[in-house]
Amino acid sequence: MASVTYTTQLLNSVLMLVNLLMRFYDIDSGHIFIDGQNIQDISRKNLRRNVAIVLQDTVLFSDTILANLKYGRESASKEEVEQAVSMSRCGDLLQSLPRGWDTILSGAGESISQGQRQPLCNSGVTLITKYRKFQDLLN
């Protein structure tokens, strides 16, 4: 799984980067590679289906943390969820919450801070995308 973090104060820079990565616009010169593959060699459909973007301002559902993490892949086992949480480094966060996985988020996740919501969203994205190999995008 490839992971890229890009931060800037300039919203236009982020929007342009997303537009280029998702191939809403094709570049005039140069190349963009993901895991060594030129994105021009990947169909737009496959690229967009397999790239996940977690924005800074995230929203979670009024449900348990576990249900939020499994939202995009409900069939995931507890072990797969734990592995995704470990990969996105939010295990300490879960341990600090009174009911851990079973903590119920209220008001679209507003019962926890934005700084806590984003790693949880990263875990959910990791769970969805972890088992896809980027090579499969070329097919």
Protein backbone atom coordinates (compact mmCIF):
# COMPACT_ATOMS: atom_id res chain seq x y z
CA MET A 1 0.00 0.00 0.00
CA ALA A 2 1.37 3.38 -0.99
CA SER A 3 0.87 6.32 1.30
CA VAL A 4 1.46 9.98 0.52
CA THR A 5 0.96 12.87 2.87
CA TYR A 6 0.82 16.36 1.46
CA THR A 7 0.10 19.41 3.54
CA THR A 8 -0.01 23.05 2.57
CA GLN A 9 -1.70 26.25 3.60
CA LEU A 10 -2.69 26.85 -0.02
CA LEU A 11 -6.00 25.19 -0.84
CA ASN A 12 -5.38 25.64 -4.57
CA SER A 13 -2.19 23.56 -4.32
CA VAL A 14 -4.05 20.67 -2.68
CA LEU A 15 -6.87 20.84 -5.22
CA MET A 16 -4.42 20.85 -8.13
CA LEU A 17 -2.56 17.87 -6.69
CA VAL A 18 -5.81 15.92 -6.26
CA ASN A 19 -6.91 16.86 -9.79
CA LEU A 20 -3.62 15.61 -11.21
CA LEU A 21 -3.49 12.41 -9.15
CA MET A 22 -7.06 11.49 -10.03
CA ARG A 23 -6.44 12.44 -13.68
CA PHE A 24 -9.20 15.01 -13.87
CA TYR A 25 -6.51 16.83 -15.86
CA ASP A 26 -3.65 15.24 -17.73
CA ILE A 27 -0.26 16.81 -17.27
CA ASP A 28 1.46 18.66 -20.13
CA SER A 29 4.97 17.52 -19.27
CA GLY A 30 6.68 15.24 -16.78
CA HIS A 31 5.28 12.13 -15.14
CA ILE A 32 3.47 11.12 -11.96
CA PHE A 33 4.33 7.71 -10.56
CA ILE A 34 2.64 5.70 -7.83
CA ASP A 35 4.59 2.65 -6.68
CA GLY A 36 6.74 2.97 -9.80
CA GLN A 37 3.77 2.98 -12.18
CA ASN A 38 3.08 5.95 -14.42
CA ILE A 39 -0.51 6.99 -13.74
CA GLN A 40 -0.94 7.63 -17.48
CA ASP A 41 -0.75 3.83 -17.92
CA ILE A 42 -3.69 3.27 -15.56
CA SER A 43 -7.28 3.77 -16.64
CA ARG A 44 -9.04 6.64 -14.93
CA LYS A 45 -11.71 4.24 -13.67
CA ASN A 46 -9.20 1.93 -11.97
CA LEU A 47 -7.15 4.80 -10.60
CA ARG A 48 -10.16 6.52 -9.05
CA ARG A 49 -11.56 3.28 -7.67
CA ASN A 50 -8.32 2.45 -5.88
CA VAL A 51 -7.07 5.77 -4.57
CA ALA A 52 -8.41 7.02 -1.27
CA ILE A 53 -8.09 10.58 -0.07
CA VAL A 54 -8.55 11.53 3.58
CA LEU A 55 -9.10 15.24 3.92
CA GLN A 56 -8.12 17.20 6.98
CA ASP A 57 -11.74 17.89 7.91
CA THR A 58 -13.09 14.36 8.37
CA VAL A 59 -16.54 13.14 9.32
CA LEU A 60 -17.44 9.93 11.12
CA PHE A 61 -20.87 8.43 11.68
CA SER A 62 -22.83 8.39 14.91
CA ASP A 63 -22.02 4.75 15.70
CA THR A 64 -19.27 2.74 17.36
CA ILE A 65 -15.66 3.24 16.38
CA LEU A 66 -15.57 -0.35 15.11
CA ALA A 67 -18.59 0.26 12.85
CA ASN A 68 -16.96 3.42 11.51
CA LEU A 69 -13.72 1.59 10.74
CA LYS A 70 -15.55 -1.22 8.96
CA TYR A 71 -17.83 1.11 7.00
CA GLY A 72 -16.11 0.55 3.65
CA ARG A 73 -15.45 -3.13 4.26
CA GLU A 74 -18.03 -4.63 6.60
CA SER A 75 -16.74 -8.16 6.04
CA ALA A 76 -13.35 -7.33 7.60
CA SER A 77 -12.33 -9.55 10.49
CA LYS A 78 -11.37 -8.13 13.87
CA GLU A 79 -7.76 -9.12 13.10
CA GLU A 80 -7.81 -7.15 9.83
CA VAL A 81 -9.24 -4.11 11.62
CA GLU A 82 -6.56 -4.37 14.32
CA GLN A 83 -3.86 -4.55 11.65
CA ALA A 84 -5.24 -1.46 9.88
CA VAL A 85 -5.35 0.41 13.20
CA SER A 86 -1.76 -0.59 13.87
CA MET A 87 -0.63 0.52 10.41
CA SER A 88 -2.25 3.93 10.85
CA ARG A 89 -0.85 4.26 14.38
CA CYS A 90 -4.03 4.96 16.30
CA GLY A 91 -3.92 2.01 18.69
CA ASP A 92 -3.03 4.31 21.60
CA LEU A 93 -6.08 6.42 20.81
CA LEU A 94 -8.37 3.39 21.01
CA GLN A 95 -6.83 2.31 24.30
CA SER A 96 -7.38 5.79 25.75
CA LEU A 97 -11.11 5.80 25.02
CA PRO A 98 -13.40 4.52 27.79
CA ARG A 99 -14.96 1.70 25.76
CA GLY A 100 -12.23 1.25 23.11
CA TRP A 101 -13.69 -0.21 19.89
CA ASP A 102 -17.19 0.02 21.37
CA THR A 103 -16.98 3.75 22.08
CA ILE A 104 -20.03 5.35 20.51
CA LEU A 105 -19.32 8.48 18.55
CA SER A 106 -22.03 11.11 18.55
CA GLY A 107 -22.75 14.04 16.29
CA ALA A 108 -20.79 12.76 13.27
CA GLY A 109 -17.80 11.99 15.48
CA GLU A 110 -17.80 15.35 17.22
CA SER A 111 -17.47 13.64 20.59
CA ILE A 112 -13.75 13.24 19.82
CA SER A 113 -11.32 15.86 18.55
CA GLN A 114 -10.49 16.44 14.89
CA GLY A 115 -6.97 15.26 15.72
CA GLN A 116 -8.48 11.93 16.84
CA ARG A 117 -10.95 11.61 13.95
CA GLN A 118 -8.34 11.82 11.21
CA PRO A 119 -6.25 8.78 12.32
CA LEU A 120 -9.48 6.78 12.63
CA CYS A 121 -10.41 7.72 9.06
CA ASN A 122 -6.91 6.73 7.97
CA SER A 123 -7.47 3.33 9.60
CA GLY A 124 -10.71 2.87 7.70
CA VAL A 125 -9.03 3.75 4.40
CA THR A 126 -6.16 1.40 5.22
CA LEU A 127 -8.65 -1.39 5.86
CA ILE A 128 -10.34 -0.81 2.50
CA THR A 129 -7.20 -0.49 0.41
CA LYS A 130 -4.70 -2.72 2.21
CA TYR A 131 -5.46 -5.87 0.27
CA ARG A 132 -5.31 -4.30 -3.16
CA LYS A 133 -2.02 -4.43 -4.98
CA PHE A 134 -1.22 -1.46 -7.12
CA GLN A 135 -0.18 -3.76 -9.96
CA ASP A 136 -3.81 -4.84 -10.20
CA LEU A 137 -4.71 -1.31 -11.34
CA LEU A 138 -3.08 -1.94 -14.71
CA ASN A 139 -5.62 -4.63 -15.56
